[in-house]
């Protein structure tokens, strides 16, 4: 299951740790987000122990969304050692996201 990033745990789990984190900003009412959701879940299982892959519900966690100027969803941020190194807005295939993750590992 994909990790649930929140306003309360984001600093500790995404920014203050070494390694790769992939964060999907989404909302329940967002159609394209529902297409990306299962892909994120699959990637979380495949990269367990190698990268932290999770989701941020923008309706519940507004502080993170504002900090990273998330205006369109789904938006996927790629962090390495706490720094944003890549960003993708819109839907994406599993192969596309895997390629980006592999390049960061």
N, C-alpha and C. Protein backbone atom coordinates (compact mmCIF):
# COMPACT_ATOMS: atom_id res chain seq x y z
N UNK A 1 0.84 -1.19 0.00
CA UNK A 1 0.00 0.00 0.00
C UNK A 1 0.88 1.25 0.00
N UNK A 2 0.48 2.23 -0.75
CA UNK A 2 1.23 3.48 -0.83
C UNK A 2 1.21 4.20 0.52
N UNK A 3 2.31 4.84 0.84
CA UNK A 3 2.45 5.59 2.08
C UNK A 3 1.54 6.81 2.04
N UNK A 4 0.95 7.16 3.17
CA UNK A 4 0.10 8.35 3.23
C UNK A 4 0.88 9.51 3.85
N UNK A 5 1.31 10.43 2.99
CA UNK A 5 1.98 11.64 3.46
C UNK A 5 0.91 12.60 3.97
N UNK A 6 1.21 13.29 5.07
CA UNK A 6 0.30 14.28 5.63
C UNK A 6 1.07 15.54 5.98
N UNK A 7 0.34 16.59 6.28
CA UNK A 7 0.99 17.83 6.74
C UNK A 7 1.85 17.54 7.96
N UNK A 8 1.41 16.63 8.82
CA UNK A 8 2.11 16.34 10.07
C UNK A 8 3.37 15.50 9.88
N UNK A 9 3.39 14.58 8.90
CA UNK A 9 4.54 13.69 8.77
C UNK A 9 5.46 14.01 7.59
N UNK A 10 5.12 14.98 6.77
CA UNK A 10 5.86 15.24 5.53
C UNK A 10 7.32 15.63 5.78
N UNK A 11 7.55 16.51 6.71
CA UNK A 11 8.92 16.95 7.00
C UNK A 11 9.80 15.76 7.37
N UNK A 12 9.31 14.95 8.29
CA UNK A 12 10.08 13.82 8.80
C UNK A 12 10.26 12.71 7.75
N UNK A 13 9.21 12.40 7.00
CA UNK A 13 9.27 11.23 6.11
C UNK A 13 9.79 11.54 4.71
N UNK A 14 9.59 12.75 4.24
CA UNK A 14 10.00 13.08 2.87
C UNK A 14 11.22 14.00 2.81
N UNK A 15 11.30 14.96 3.69
CA UNK A 15 12.35 15.97 3.59
C UNK A 15 13.58 15.67 4.43
N UNK A 16 13.38 15.08 5.60
CA UNK A 16 14.51 14.86 6.51
C UNK A 16 15.13 13.47 6.37
N UNK A 17 14.87 12.78 5.28
CA UNK A 17 15.42 11.44 5.09
C UNK A 17 16.23 11.37 3.81
N UNK A 18 17.15 10.42 3.79
CA UNK A 18 17.93 10.19 2.58
C UNK A 18 17.21 9.19 1.71
N UNK A 19 17.47 9.26 0.42
CA UNK A 19 16.86 8.34 -0.51
C UNK A 19 15.84 9.01 -1.40
N UNK A 20 15.08 8.19 -2.09
CA UNK A 20 14.11 8.66 -3.08
C UNK A 20 12.70 8.58 -2.50
N UNK A 21 11.93 9.65 -2.71
CA UNK A 21 10.51 9.66 -2.37
C UNK A 21 9.73 10.13 -3.59
N UNK A 22 8.62 9.47 -3.84
CA UNK A 22 7.74 9.83 -4.95
C UNK A 22 6.38 10.13 -4.34
N UNK A 23 5.88 11.34 -4.59
CA UNK A 23 4.66 11.80 -3.94
C UNK A 23 3.61 12.18 -4.97
N UNK A 24 2.48 11.50 -4.90
CA UNK A 24 1.35 11.74 -5.79
C UNK A 24 0.36 12.64 -5.07
N UNK A 25 0.17 13.85 -5.57
CA UNK A 25 -0.83 14.78 -5.03
C UNK A 25 -2.14 14.50 -5.76
N UNK A 26 -3.20 14.20 -5.01
CA UNK A 26 -4.46 13.75 -5.59
C UNK A 26 -5.65 14.22 -4.75
N UNK A 27 -6.86 13.95 -5.26
CA UNK A 27 -8.10 14.17 -4.53
C UNK A 27 -9.12 13.13 -4.99
N UNK A 28 -10.05 12.80 -4.11
CA UNK A 28 -11.05 11.78 -4.43
C UNK A 28 -11.92 12.16 -5.63
N UNK A 29 -12.21 13.44 -5.81
CA UNK A 29 -13.11 13.89 -6.87
C UNK A 29 -12.42 13.99 -8.23
N UNK A 30 -11.13 13.75 -8.28
CA UNK A 30 -10.33 13.95 -9.49
C UNK A 30 -10.30 12.67 -10.34
N UNK A 31 -10.90 12.71 -11.52
CA UNK A 31 -10.93 11.57 -12.42
C UNK A 31 -9.55 11.07 -12.83
N UNK A 32 -8.68 11.95 -13.35
CA UNK A 32 -7.34 11.50 -13.72
C UNK A 32 -6.56 10.92 -12.54
N UNK A 33 -6.83 11.40 -11.34
CA UNK A 33 -6.14 10.87 -10.15
C UNK A 33 -6.50 9.41 -9.93
N UNK A 34 -7.75 9.05 -10.27
CA UNK A 34 -8.17 7.66 -10.13
C UNK A 34 -7.47 6.74 -11.11
N UNK A 35 -6.99 7.30 -12.21
CA UNK A 35 -6.21 6.50 -13.17
C UNK A 35 -4.79 6.28 -12.65
N UNK A 36 -4.23 7.27 -12.00
CA UNK A 36 -2.86 7.19 -11.51
C UNK A 36 -2.79 6.40 -10.20
N UNK A 37 -3.84 6.41 -9.41
CA UNK A 37 -3.84 5.76 -8.10
C UNK A 37 -3.36 4.32 -8.10
N UNK A 38 -3.93 3.44 -8.95
CA UNK A 38 -3.46 2.05 -8.97
C UNK A 38 -2.00 1.91 -9.40
N UNK A 39 -1.53 2.79 -10.25
CA UNK A 39 -0.13 2.78 -10.67
C UNK A 39 0.77 3.08 -9.48
N UNK A 40 0.39 4.08 -8.69
CA UNK A 40 1.16 4.44 -7.49
C UNK A 40 1.17 3.28 -6.51
N UNK A 41 0.03 2.62 -6.34
CA UNK A 41 -0.04 1.47 -5.43
C UNK A 41 0.91 0.36 -5.90
N UNK A 42 0.91 0.06 -7.19
CA UNK A 42 1.80 -0.97 -7.74
C UNK A 42 3.26 -0.61 -7.53
N UNK A 43 3.60 0.65 -7.81
CA UNK A 43 4.98 1.09 -7.65
C UNK A 43 5.42 1.03 -6.19
N UNK A 44 4.51 1.34 -5.27
CA UNK A 44 4.84 1.29 -3.85
C UNK A 44 5.25 -0.13 -3.45
N UNK A 45 4.56 -1.12 -3.99
CA UNK A 45 4.90 -2.52 -3.70
C UNK A 45 6.22 -2.90 -4.35
N UNK A 46 6.39 -2.54 -5.61
CA UNK A 46 7.59 -2.91 -6.37
C UNK A 46 8.86 -2.28 -5.82
N UNK A 47 8.76 -1.05 -5.33
CA UNK A 47 9.96 -0.33 -4.87
C UNK A 47 10.08 -0.31 -3.35
N UNK A 48 9.30 -1.16 -2.67
CA UNK A 48 9.38 -1.21 -1.21
C UNK A 48 10.82 -1.52 -0.79
N UNK A 49 11.34 -0.71 0.12
CA UNK A 49 12.71 -0.88 0.57
C UNK A 49 13.73 -0.13 -0.28
N UNK A 50 13.31 0.36 -1.44
CA UNK A 50 14.21 1.09 -2.33
C UNK A 50 13.85 2.57 -2.42
N UNK A 51 12.55 2.85 -2.40
CA UNK A 51 12.04 4.22 -2.50
C UNK A 51 10.74 4.30 -1.71
N UNK A 52 10.46 5.46 -1.16
CA UNK A 52 9.20 5.69 -0.44
C UNK A 52 8.22 6.29 -1.43
N UNK A 53 7.17 5.55 -1.72
CA UNK A 53 6.19 6.00 -2.71
C UNK A 53 4.85 6.15 -2.02
N UNK A 54 4.26 7.35 -2.15
CA UNK A 54 3.00 7.58 -1.46
C UNK A 54 2.18 8.69 -2.07
N UNK A 55 1.16 9.07 -1.31
CA UNK A 55 0.15 10.00 -1.80
C UNK A 55 -0.13 11.10 -0.77
N UNK A 56 -0.54 12.24 -1.29
CA UNK A 56 -0.99 13.36 -0.46
C UNK A 56 -2.38 13.75 -0.96
N UNK A 57 -3.37 13.65 -0.09
CA UNK A 57 -4.72 14.11 -0.43
C UNK A 57 -4.72 15.63 -0.27
N UNK A 58 -4.87 16.35 -1.38
CA UNK A 58 -4.76 17.82 -1.36
C UNK A 58 -5.91 18.49 -0.61
N UNK A 59 -7.05 17.81 -0.51
CA UNK A 59 -8.19 18.39 0.20
C UNK A 59 -7.98 18.36 1.71
N UNK A 60 -7.18 17.41 2.19
CA UNK A 60 -6.95 17.24 3.62
C UNK A 60 -5.64 17.89 4.05
N UNK A 61 -4.64 17.87 3.17
CA UNK A 61 -3.29 18.35 3.51
C UNK A 61 -2.93 19.58 2.69
N UNK A 62 -3.53 20.67 3.04
CA UNK A 62 -3.39 21.90 2.26
C UNK A 62 -2.02 22.57 2.42
N UNK A 63 -1.37 22.40 3.56
CA UNK A 63 -0.08 23.05 3.79
C UNK A 63 0.98 22.56 2.79
N UNK A 64 1.06 21.24 2.63
CA UNK A 64 2.04 20.69 1.69
C UNK A 64 1.71 21.15 0.27
N UNK A 65 0.44 21.08 -0.07
CA UNK A 65 0.02 21.47 -1.42
C UNK A 65 0.38 22.92 -1.72
N UNK A 66 0.18 23.80 -0.74
CA UNK A 66 0.52 25.21 -0.94
C UNK A 66 2.03 25.40 -1.02
N UNK A 67 2.77 24.69 -0.16
CA UNK A 67 4.23 24.83 -0.14
C UNK A 67 4.84 24.51 -1.50
N UNK A 68 4.29 23.51 -2.19
CA UNK A 68 4.84 23.10 -3.48
C UNK A 68 4.02 23.63 -4.67
N UNK A 69 3.15 24.60 -4.41
CA UNK A 69 2.36 25.28 -5.45
C UNK A 69 1.64 24.28 -6.35
N UNK A 70 0.98 23.31 -5.74
CA UNK A 70 0.22 22.32 -6.50
C UNK A 70 -1.08 22.97 -6.95
N UNK A 71 -1.20 23.19 -8.25
CA UNK A 71 -2.38 23.84 -8.82
C UNK A 71 -3.20 22.90 -9.68
N UNK A 72 -2.57 21.86 -10.18
CA UNK A 72 -3.26 20.86 -11.00
C UNK A 72 -2.95 19.49 -10.41
N UNK A 73 -3.96 18.62 -10.44
CA UNK A 73 -3.74 17.27 -9.97
C UNK A 73 -4.21 16.28 -11.03
N UNK A 74 -3.61 15.13 -11.12
CA UNK A 74 -2.51 14.68 -10.28
C UNK A 74 -1.19 15.38 -10.63
N UNK A 75 -0.42 15.64 -9.59
CA UNK A 75 0.96 16.11 -9.73
C UNK A 75 1.83 15.14 -8.95
N UNK A 76 2.91 14.71 -9.55
CA UNK A 76 3.82 13.78 -8.90
C UNK A 76 5.17 14.45 -8.73
N UNK A 77 5.61 14.54 -7.47
CA UNK A 77 6.93 15.09 -7.17
C UNK A 77 7.91 13.95 -6.91
N UNK A 78 9.12 14.13 -7.39
CA UNK A 78 10.20 13.17 -7.17
C UNK A 78 11.25 13.88 -6.30
N UNK A 79 11.51 13.32 -5.12
CA UNK A 79 12.49 13.90 -4.21
C UNK A 79 13.66 12.94 -4.05
N UNK A 80 14.83 13.52 -3.94
CA UNK A 80 16.02 12.74 -3.61
C UNK A 80 16.73 13.45 -2.48
N UNK A 81 16.93 12.74 -1.39
CA UNK A 81 17.56 13.30 -0.20
C UNK A 81 16.88 14.59 0.25
N UNK A 82 15.55 14.62 0.18
CA UNK A 82 14.76 15.76 0.66
C UNK A 82 14.61 16.92 -0.29
N UNK A 83 15.20 16.82 -1.48
CA UNK A 83 15.11 17.92 -2.46
C UNK A 83 14.27 17.49 -3.67
N UNK A 84 13.41 18.38 -4.14
CA UNK A 84 12.62 18.08 -5.34
C UNK A 84 13.57 18.09 -6.54
N UNK A 85 13.60 16.97 -7.26
CA UNK A 85 14.49 16.86 -8.42
C UNK A 85 13.71 16.71 -9.72
N UNK A 86 12.41 16.43 -9.63
CA UNK A 86 11.60 16.30 -10.84
C UNK A 86 10.13 16.46 -10.45
N UNK A 87 9.32 16.80 -11.46
CA UNK A 87 7.89 17.01 -11.24
C UNK A 87 7.17 16.61 -12.51
N UNK A 88 6.04 15.91 -12.34
CA UNK A 88 5.21 15.54 -13.49
C UNK A 88 3.77 15.91 -13.18
N UNK A 89 3.11 16.62 -14.09
CA UNK A 89 1.72 16.99 -13.92
C UNK A 89 0.88 16.22 -14.92
N UNK A 90 -0.19 15.59 -14.42
CA UNK A 90 -1.09 14.82 -15.28
C UNK A 90 -0.91 13.33 -15.09
N UNK A 91 -1.64 12.57 -15.89
CA UNK A 91 -1.55 11.12 -15.78
C UNK A 91 -0.21 10.63 -16.33
N UNK A 92 0.16 9.42 -15.93
CA UNK A 92 1.43 8.85 -16.38
C UNK A 92 1.33 7.33 -16.33
N UNK A 93 2.05 6.69 -17.20
CA UNK A 93 2.06 5.23 -17.21
C UNK A 93 3.03 4.71 -16.15
N UNK A 94 2.86 3.46 -15.82
CA UNK A 94 3.75 2.81 -14.85
C UNK A 94 5.18 2.79 -15.39
N UNK A 95 5.33 2.49 -16.68
CA UNK A 95 6.66 2.43 -17.30
C UNK A 95 7.35 3.79 -17.23
N UNK A 96 6.61 4.85 -17.49
CA UNK A 96 7.17 6.21 -17.45
C UNK A 96 7.66 6.54 -16.04
N UNK A 97 6.83 6.26 -15.04
CA UNK A 97 7.21 6.57 -13.66
C UNK A 97 8.34 5.68 -13.18
N UNK A 98 8.33 4.41 -13.56
CA UNK A 98 9.41 3.49 -13.19
C UNK A 98 10.75 3.97 -13.74
N UNK A 99 10.73 4.45 -14.96
CA UNK A 99 11.96 4.96 -15.58
C UNK A 99 12.52 6.14 -14.78
N UNK A 100 11.64 7.04 -14.36
CA UNK A 100 12.08 8.21 -13.57
C UNK A 100 12.63 7.77 -12.22
N UNK A 101 11.96 6.80 -11.59
CA UNK A 101 12.41 6.32 -10.28
C UNK A 101 13.76 5.63 -10.42
N UNK A 102 13.88 4.76 -11.41
CA UNK A 102 15.13 4.03 -11.62
C UNK A 102 16.32 4.99 -11.84
N UNK A 103 16.07 6.08 -12.52
CA UNK A 103 17.13 7.05 -12.78
C UNK A 103 17.61 7.73 -11.49
N UNK A 104 16.74 7.78 -10.48
CA UNK A 104 17.11 8.41 -9.22
C UNK A 104 17.75 7.47 -8.20
N UNK A 105 17.56 6.18 -8.42
CA UNK A 105 18.09 5.19 -7.45
C UNK A 105 19.58 4.98 -7.63
